[in-house]
Amino acid sequence: MTTARVFAADTEDGVALMDLRTARGAWRFLDPVGAGLWRRVVSGTPREQAVEELVAYWSQRGADPDQVRADMEALADQLHADGLFAAAPHPPANRASGVRYVDVGTRLRPGVRVAGHMGLGVALLLLRCLPVRLVVRTAQAVGRLPGRAASPEEADAVCAAVRRAVGWWPGRAACLEESLAAYLAAALTGCHVTWVLGARFVPQGAHAWIATAGAVHGQEPVDRVWPYRAALTVEPSN
């Protein structure tokens, strides 16, 4: 069970840092310049040396060294004060090779439909009553329950079941609630998927989803722009 509190989605466009120490989890996005400073410091370079390396790099490209130094020192002070120079785990690799879109009209077994409603109810309760770090720990505990890896079709089915259940829910259920509900619903049907929290930069945003070994599941082509880079994965460990 992980004890880390800061996780990183590291991309060529920058770094997105997810801080689980806040109640709902807070994201901080760093552009490529700020990401360069963060990467150096968390890899072991002293902060002052990292700043000077970046000053030298950007000065050679025509930037004002005094302005670069002031900007880098201000960012370093802020990241240090926020505790974001913690050594975040290396971002998990994006193993999924495809994106599968949810089909709410697919035919579902009664047990899967019930699991969708139960998974959504538990997910909403957890996310409204517990800080996100404890929700992650609960999901990790669920991952140790007996079960087998879900097939792509089984993962699609629990996503469809959860989406149907959301249709009966009077409140708002976003990707965090839906993905956790699908993760729990899968466990209730005796199979396991991976729960993933991640981010993207173009356009900038955070997202949560479930995945199997070969695909990302439960997305909508009208409003889900891929790819996202994983920052934290909750994998089955039974």
Protein backbone atom coordinates (compact mmCIF):
# COMPACT_ATOMS: atom_id res chain seq x y z
CA MET A 1 0.00 0.00 0.00
CA THR A 2 1.46 3.32 -1.07
CA THR A 3 2.38 5.95 1.50
CA ALA A 4 3.28 8.64 -1.06
CA ARG A 5 1.23 11.80 -1.09
CA VAL A 6 2.41 13.58 -4.27
CA PHE A 7 2.17 11.93 -7.68
CA ALA A 8 3.28 13.18 -11.07
CA ALA A 9 1.98 12.92 -14.61
CA ASP A 10 5.15 13.75 -16.55
CA THR A 11 4.78 14.67 -20.23
CA GLU A 12 6.71 16.51 -22.91
CA ASP A 13 4.35 19.46 -22.36
CA GLY A 14 5.06 19.74 -18.63
CA VAL A 15 4.37 18.06 -15.31
CA ALA A 16 1.03 17.78 -13.50
CA LEU A 17 1.40 17.19 -9.76
CA MET A 18 -1.44 15.61 -7.79
CA ASP A 19 -1.34 16.29 -4.06
CA LEU A 20 -3.34 13.76 -2.05
CA ARG A 21 -2.76 15.65 1.19
CA THR A 22 -5.69 17.92 0.38
CA ALA A 23 -9.24 16.75 1.03
CA ARG A 24 -10.27 16.19 -2.60
CA GLY A 25 -6.81 16.04 -4.14
CA ALA A 26 -5.30 19.15 -5.74
CA TRP A 27 -3.54 19.41 -9.11
CA ARG A 28 -0.67 21.77 -9.91
CA PHE A 29 0.38 22.13 -13.56
CA LEU A 30 3.94 23.16 -14.43
CA ASP A 31 4.90 24.33 -17.91
CA PRO A 32 8.04 22.88 -19.56
CA VAL A 33 10.28 25.47 -17.87
CA GLY A 34 8.88 24.83 -14.39
CA ALA A 35 8.86 21.10 -15.08
CA GLY A 36 12.59 21.26 -15.80
CA LEU A 37 13.21 22.72 -12.36
CA TRP A 38 10.96 20.16 -10.65
CA ARG A 39 12.56 17.21 -12.44
CA ARG A 40 16.06 18.31 -11.47
CA VAL A 41 15.25 18.79 -7.80
CA VAL A 42 13.30 15.55 -7.30
CA SER A 43 16.08 13.62 -9.06
CA GLY A 44 18.55 14.83 -6.42
CA THR A 45 20.02 18.07 -7.77
CA PRO A 46 20.32 20.74 -5.03
CA ARG A 47 17.76 23.47 -5.55
CA GLU A 48 20.31 26.27 -5.98
CA GLN A 49 22.26 24.23 -8.53
CA ALA A 50 19.09 23.41 -10.45
CA VAL A 51 18.20 27.10 -10.65
CA GLU A 52 21.66 28.03 -11.93
CA GLU A 53 21.59 25.27 -14.53
CA LEU A 54 18.33 26.63 -15.89
CA VAL A 55 19.63 30.21 -15.80
CA ALA A 56 22.63 29.14 -17.86
CA TYR A 57 20.44 27.16 -20.27
CA TRP A 58 18.00 29.97 -20.97
CA SER A 59 20.67 32.69 -21.02
CA GLN A 60 22.32 30.89 -23.92
CA ARG A 61 19.00 31.22 -25.74
CA GLY A 62 18.76 34.96 -25.26
CA ALA A 63 16.74 35.24 -22.04
CA ASP A 64 17.62 37.81 -19.36
CA PRO A 65 19.54 35.79 -16.73
CA ASP A 66 18.41 38.00 -13.86
CA GLN A 67 14.76 37.59 -14.82
CA VAL A 68 15.14 33.82 -15.27
CA ARG A 69 16.85 33.53 -11.88
CA ALA A 70 14.13 35.57 -10.17
CA ASP A 71 11.38 33.50 -11.79
CA MET A 72 13.05 30.18 -10.98
CA GLU A 73 13.76 31.13 -7.39
CA ALA A 74 10.17 32.28 -6.88
CA LEU A 75 8.84 29.01 -8.33
CA ALA A 76 11.29 26.96 -6.26
CA ASP A 77 10.20 28.77 -3.09
CA GLN A 78 6.54 28.13 -3.88
CA LEU A 79 7.00 24.44 -4.70
CA HIS A 80 9.08 23.97 -1.55
CA ALA A 81 6.50 25.75 0.60
CA ASP A 82 3.74 23.58 -0.88
CA GLY A 83 5.74 20.40 -0.29
CA LEU A 84 5.71 19.52 -3.99
CA PHE A 85 9.41 18.74 -4.20
CA ALA A 86 8.57 15.43 -2.55
CA ALA A 87 9.96 12.58 -4.61
CA ALA A 88 6.83 11.56 -6.48
CA PRO A 89 6.87 7.99 -7.79
CA HIS A 90 7.92 7.52 -11.38
CA PRO A 91 4.78 7.95 -13.50
CA PRO A 92 3.31 4.56 -14.44
CA ALA A 93 3.65 3.70 -18.11
CA ASN A 94 0.59 4.10 -20.31
CA ARG A 95 0.19 0.43 -21.22
CA ALA A 96 -3.25 0.66 -22.77
CA SER A 97 -3.16 0.54 -26.55
CA GLY A 98 -6.68 1.71 -27.28
CA VAL A 99 -9.64 3.71 -26.01
CA ARG A 100 -13.05 2.04 -25.80
CA TYR A 101 -16.18 4.17 -25.65
CA VAL A 102 -19.11 3.40 -23.40
CA ASP A 103 -22.29 1.99 -24.95
CA VAL A 104 -25.10 2.58 -22.48
CA GLY A 105 -27.49 0.56 -24.62
CA THR A 106 -25.50 -2.65 -24.40
CA ARG A 107 -27.31 -5.66 -22.96
CA LEU A 108 -26.26 -6.35 -19.35
CA ARG A 109 -26.69 -9.28 -17.02
CA PRO A 110 -28.83 -8.52 -13.93
CA GLY A 111 -25.84 -9.01 -11.62
CA VAL A 112 -23.82 -6.44 -13.54
CA ARG A 113 -26.68 -3.93 -13.39
CA VAL A 114 -26.95 -4.38 -9.63
CA ALA A 115 -23.17 -4.06 -9.26
CA GLY A 116 -23.30 -0.77 -11.19
CA HIS A 117 -25.80 0.72 -8.75
CA MET A 118 -23.94 -0.60 -5.72
CA GLY A 119 -20.58 0.57 -7.04
CA LEU A 120 -21.93 4.05 -7.67
CA GLY A 121 -23.52 4.27 -4.23
CA VAL A 122 -20.33 3.21 -2.46
CA ALA A 123 -18.17 5.49 -4.61
CA LEU A 124 -20.34 8.52 -3.87
CA LEU A 125 -20.32 7.73 -0.16
CA LEU A 126 -16.55 7.32 -0.04
CA LEU A 127 -15.78 10.46 -2.03
CA ARG A 128 -18.16 12.58 0.01
CA CYS A 129 -17.16 11.29 3.45
CA LEU A 130 -13.42 10.58 3.19
CA PRO A 131 -10.37 12.52 2.00
CA VAL A 132 -9.12 11.24 -1.31
CA ARG A 133 -6.00 9.61 0.18
CA LEU A 134 -8.25 7.33 2.26
CA VAL A 135 -10.41 6.62 -0.78
CA VAL A 136 -7.26 5.48 -2.58
CA ARG A 137 -6.36 3.22 0.35
CA THR A 138 -9.85 1.74 0.30
CA ALA A 139 -9.55 1.07 -3.43
CA GLN A 140 -6.19 -0.62 -2.82
CA ALA A 141 -7.83 -2.85 -0.22
CA VAL A 142 -10.55 -3.77 -2.72
CA GLY A 143 -7.82 -4.72 -5.16
CA ARG A 144 -6.70 -7.47 -2.79
CA LEU A 145 -10.07 -9.23 -2.87
CA PRO A 146 -10.26 -12.55 -4.72
CA GLY A 147 -10.92 -12.19 -8.42
CA ARG A 148 -9.44 -12.38 -11.88
CA ALA A 149 -8.49 -9.78 -14.44
CA ALA A 150 -11.49 -8.39 -16.28
CA SER A 151 -11.75 -8.92 -20.00
CA PRO A 152 -12.28 -5.82 -22.17
CA GLU A 153 -15.92 -6.79 -22.61
CA GLU A 154 -16.44 -7.14 -18.85
CA ALA A 155 -14.86 -3.74 -18.25
CA ASP A 156 -17.12 -2.22 -20.91
CA ALA A 157 -20.14 -3.80 -19.21
CA VAL A 158 -19.42 -2.35 -15.76
CA CYS A 159 -18.86 1.08 -17.33
CA ALA A 160 -22.23 0.84 -19.05
CA ALA A 161 -23.88 -0.32 -15.80
CA VAL A 162 -22.43 2.61 -13.88
CA ARG A 163 -23.46 5.08 -16.56
CA ARG A 164 -27.02 3.75 -16.39
CA ALA A 165 -26.97 4.06 -12.61
CA VAL A 166 -25.76 7.67 -12.93
CA GLY A 167 -28.87 8.34 -14.99
CA TRP A 168 -30.96 7.60 -11.89
CA TRP A 169 -28.75 9.66 -9.59
CA PRO A 170 -30.15 13.18 -8.96
CA GLY A 171 -26.75 14.71 -8.22
CA ARG A 172 -23.58 15.18 -10.24
CA ALA A 173 -21.25 12.28 -10.94
CA ALA A 174 -18.08 13.23 -12.80
CA CYS A 175 -15.21 11.07 -14.05
CA LEU A 176 -13.79 10.53 -10.55
CA GLU A 177 -17.09 9.16 -9.23
CA GLU A 178 -17.84 7.13 -12.36
CA SER A 179 -14.40 5.55 -12.63
CA LEU A 180 -14.28 4.59 -8.95
CA ALA A 181 -17.80 3.18 -9.24
CA ALA A 182 -16.76 1.06 -12.23
CA TYR A 183 -13.67 -0.14 -10.35
CA LEU A 184 -15.84 -1.20 -7.40
CA ALA A 185 -18.55 -2.69 -9.61
CA ALA A 186 -15.98 -4.84 -11.37
CA ALA A 187 -14.78 -6.18 -8.01
CA LEU A 188 -18.37 -6.97 -7.04
CA THR A 189 -18.72 -9.12 -10.16
CA GLY A 190 -15.55 -11.07 -9.32
CA CYS A 191 -13.12 -9.39 -11.70
CA HIS A 192 -10.58 -6.59 -11.42
CA VAL A 193 -9.68 -3.52 -13.45
CA THR A 194 -7.12 -0.77 -12.83
CA TRP A 195 -8.25 2.62 -11.50
CA VAL A 196 -6.19 5.49 -12.88
CA LEU A 197 -5.92 9.19 -12.02
CA GLY A 198 -4.05 11.33 -14.50
CA ALA A 199 -3.83 14.56 -16.46
CA ARG A 200 -3.22 16.08 -19.87
CA PHE A 201 -1.91 19.44 -21.08
CA VAL A 202 -3.49 20.05 -24.48
CA PRO A 203 -6.07 21.07 -23.40
CA GLN A 204 -5.10 21.17 -19.74
CA GLY A 205 -7.16 19.04 -17.38
CA ALA A 206 -7.31 16.15 -14.92
CA HIS A 207 -9.20 12.92 -15.44
CA ALA A 208 -9.91 9.53 -13.86
CA TRP A 209 -10.66 6.29 -15.68
CA ILE A 210 -10.43 2.50 -15.56
CA ALA A 211 -8.21 0.34 -17.71
CA THR A 212 -7.51 -3.28 -18.54
CA ALA A 213 -4.24 -4.61 -19.91
CA GLY A 214 -5.16 -3.58 -23.43
CA ALA A 215 -7.42 -0.54 -23.26
CA VAL A 216 -8.90 2.46 -21.50
CA HIS A 217 -12.62 2.01 -20.88
CA GLY A 218 -15.78 4.02 -20.41
CA GLN A 219 -14.93 7.14 -22.39
CA GLU A 220 -17.14 9.39 -24.50
CA PRO A 221 -15.88 10.60 -27.88
CA VAL A 222 -17.73 13.91 -27.58
CA ASP A 223 -15.89 15.19 -24.54
CA ARG A 224 -12.89 12.95 -23.76
CA VAL A 225 -9.75 14.04 -25.60
CA TRP A 226 -6.99 11.44 -25.32
CA PRO A 227 -4.24 10.82 -24.39
CA TYR A 228 -3.98 11.47 -20.68
CA ARG A 229 -0.84 10.54 -18.75
CA ALA A 230 -1.28 8.47 -15.60
CA ALA A 231 -0.12 9.91 -12.28
CA LEU A 232 -1.50 7.26 -9.92
CA THR A 233 -2.71 3.74 -10.65
CA VAL A 234 -4.55 1.42 -8.25
CA GLU A 235 -3.86 -2.06 -9.50
CA PRO A 236 -5.30 -5.40 -8.34
CA SER A 237 -2.81 -7.11 -6.03
CA ASN A 238 -4.61 -10.31 -5.06
